[in-house]
Protein backbone atom coordinates (compact mmCIF):
# COMPACT_ATOMS: atom_id res chain seq x y z
CA UNK A 1 0.36 -14.78 -10.21
CA UNK A 2 0.52 -18.51 -9.69
CA UNK A 3 3.62 -20.70 -9.52
CA UNK A 4 3.81 -23.36 -12.21
CA UNK A 5 6.49 -25.87 -13.15
CA UNK A 6 7.43 -23.52 -16.01
CA UNK A 7 9.28 -21.43 -13.39
CA UNK A 8 11.35 -24.34 -12.06
CA UNK A 9 15.12 -23.94 -11.79
CA UNK A 10 15.74 -27.52 -10.67
CA UNK A 11 17.27 -26.30 -7.42
CA UNK A 12 14.71 -27.03 -4.68
CA UNK A 13 15.84 -24.26 -2.31
CA UNK A 14 15.63 -21.62 -5.05
CA UNK A 15 12.32 -22.94 -6.32
CA UNK A 16 10.91 -22.80 -2.79
CA UNK A 17 12.09 -19.21 -2.44
CA UNK A 18 10.55 -18.30 -5.79
CA UNK A 19 7.27 -19.91 -4.67
CA UNK A 20 7.44 -17.67 -1.60
CA UNK A 21 7.74 -14.59 -3.83
CA UNK A 22 4.76 -15.73 -5.88
CA UNK A 23 2.79 -16.09 -2.65
CA UNK A 24 3.86 -12.65 -1.42
CA UNK A 25 2.57 -11.14 -4.66
CA UNK A 26 -0.71 -13.05 -4.43
CA UNK A 27 -1.20 -12.06 -0.81
CA UNK A 28 -0.53 -8.39 -1.44
CA UNK A 29 -2.90 -8.42 -4.43
CA UNK A 30 -5.64 -9.62 -2.07
CA UNK A 31 -4.74 -6.94 0.47
CA UNK A 32 -5.00 -4.23 -2.19
CA UNK A 33 -8.31 -5.62 -3.48
CA UNK A 34 -9.67 -5.54 0.09
CA UNK A 35 -8.65 -1.89 0.44
CA UNK A 36 -6.05 -2.61 3.12
CA UNK A 37 -2.99 -1.61 1.11
CA UNK A 38 -2.19 1.36 3.31
CA UNK A 39 -1.94 -0.83 6.38
CA UNK A 40 0.25 -3.48 4.71
CA UNK A 41 2.38 -1.69 2.13
CA UNK A 42 5.34 -0.96 4.41
CA UNK A 43 5.48 -4.61 5.48
CA UNK A 44 5.27 -5.74 1.85
CA UNK A 45 8.27 -3.57 0.97
CA UNK A 46 10.20 -4.78 4.00
CA UNK A 47 9.46 -8.39 3.07
CA UNK A 48 10.67 -7.77 -0.48
CA UNK A 49 13.90 -6.24 0.82
CA UNK A 50 14.52 -9.19 3.13
CA UNK A 51 13.69 -11.64 0.34
CA UNK A 52 16.14 -9.94 -2.01
CA UNK A 53 18.87 -9.94 0.61
CA UNK A 54 18.45 -13.65 1.34
CA UNK A 55 17.74 -14.91 -2.15
CA UNK A 56 19.85 -13.07 -4.71
CA UNK A 57 23.24 -14.09 -3.34
CA UNK A 58 22.22 -17.75 -3.14
CA UNK A 59 20.90 -17.69 -6.67
CA UNK A 60 24.00 -15.99 -8.04
CA UNK A 61 26.18 -18.60 -6.31
CA UNK A 62 24.19 -21.38 -7.97
CA UNK A 63 24.55 -19.74 -11.37
CA UNK A 64 28.31 -19.41 -10.89
CA UNK A 65 28.63 -23.03 -9.80
CA UNK A 66 26.64 -24.16 -12.83
CA UNK A 67 28.59 -21.86 -15.18
CA UNK A 68 25.26 -20.46 -16.34
CA UNK A 69 25.57 -18.15 -19.32
CA UNK A 70 22.89 -15.89 -17.83
CA UNK A 71 24.98 -15.02 -14.75
CA UNK A 72 25.94 -11.46 -15.78
CA UNK A 73 22.44 -10.58 -16.98
CA UNK A 74 21.03 -12.07 -13.78
CA UNK A 75 23.39 -10.11 -11.53
CA UNK A 76 22.60 -6.80 -13.28
CA UNK A 77 18.87 -7.52 -13.04
CA UNK A 78 19.22 -8.28 -9.33
CA UNK A 79 21.01 -4.96 -8.81
CA UNK A 80 18.25 -3.09 -10.65
CA UNK A 81 15.46 -4.82 -8.74
CA UNK A 82 17.18 -4.19 -5.41
CA UNK A 83 17.60 -0.53 -6.27
CA UNK A 84 13.93 -0.23 -7.26
CA UNK A 85 12.83 -1.76 -3.95
CA UNK A 86 15.12 0.62 -2.03
CA UNK A 87 13.69 3.61 -3.91
CA UNK A 88 10.11 2.55 -3.17
CA UNK A 89 10.97 2.07 0.51
CA UNK A 90 12.67 5.47 0.69
CA UNK A 91 9.67 7.16 -0.94
CA UNK A 92 7.32 5.37 1.46
CA UNK A 93 9.37 6.46 4.46
CA UNK A 94 9.55 10.02 3.17
CA UNK A 95 6.02 10.51 1.81
CA UNK A 96 3.91 7.80 3.39
CA UNK A 97 1.51 5.48 1.62
CA UNK A 98 0.64 5.96 -2.02
CA UNK A 99 -1.89 3.66 -3.68
CA UNK A 100 -0.15 4.34 -6.99
CA UNK A 101 3.23 3.27 -5.59
CA UNK A 102 1.70 0.18 -3.98
CA UNK A 103 0.15 -0.87 -7.27
CA UNK A 104 3.42 -0.10 -9.09
CA UNK A 105 5.34 -2.26 -6.60
CA UNK A 106 2.95 -5.15 -7.12
CA UNK A 107 3.18 -4.81 -10.90
CA UNK A 108 6.98 -4.67 -10.67
CA UNK A 109 7.03 -7.93 -8.69
CA UNK A 110 4.63 -9.60 -11.13
CA UNK A 111 6.78 -8.50 -14.10
CA UNK A 112 9.80 -9.89 -12.25
CA UNK A 113 8.10 -13.23 -11.80
CA UNK A 114 7.34 -13.55 -15.50
CA UNK A 115 10.27 -11.78 -17.12
CA UNK A 116 13.08 -12.62 -14.73
CA UNK A 117 12.28 -15.94 -13.10
CA UNK A 118 10.45 -17.17 -16.20
CA UNK A 119 13.21 -16.23 -18.64
CA UNK A 120 16.52 -15.91 -16.79
CA UNK A 121 16.42 -18.08 -13.68
CA UNK A 122 14.95 -21.04 -15.55
CA UNK A 123 18.14 -21.22 -17.61
CA UNK A 124 19.62 -23.17 -14.70
CA UNK A 125 17.22 -26.09 -15.17
CA UNK A 126 18.90 -27.72 -18.18
CA UNK A 127 22.28 -27.37 -16.45
CA UNK A 128 20.97 -28.98 -13.28
CA UNK A 129 19.31 -31.76 -15.27
CA UNK A 130 22.54 -32.35 -17.21
CA UNK A 131 24.47 -32.60 -13.94
CA UNK A 132 26.64 -29.56 -14.69
CA UNK A 133 28.59 -28.27 -11.70
């Protein structure tokens, strides 16, 4: 997955964080393709958890400040994504590495990039451009 301007929220800090998530996905895709998923999967999950913890609250605050109509949908989606990451981490800690789970985690992140950032988060851009606050 590659970042494009189509994913822009108009809030530089959020856009930079989203770019980081795109890069995490790209990097883990390379790791899987190289056959090193087992060595890196736990770190990928940990990075996702830390990203979620740092990013979601900031993004929700921006949506509230902008009075973005997508706030409630965004918050529910964040809760679901956070729960999914926690479940993958728990399964990894309990059962160890699974190539199927690693691929599923990568696909989940890629879906998030397209379906969440590309459809929900971008709803902030017109508000930012209009100077809504």
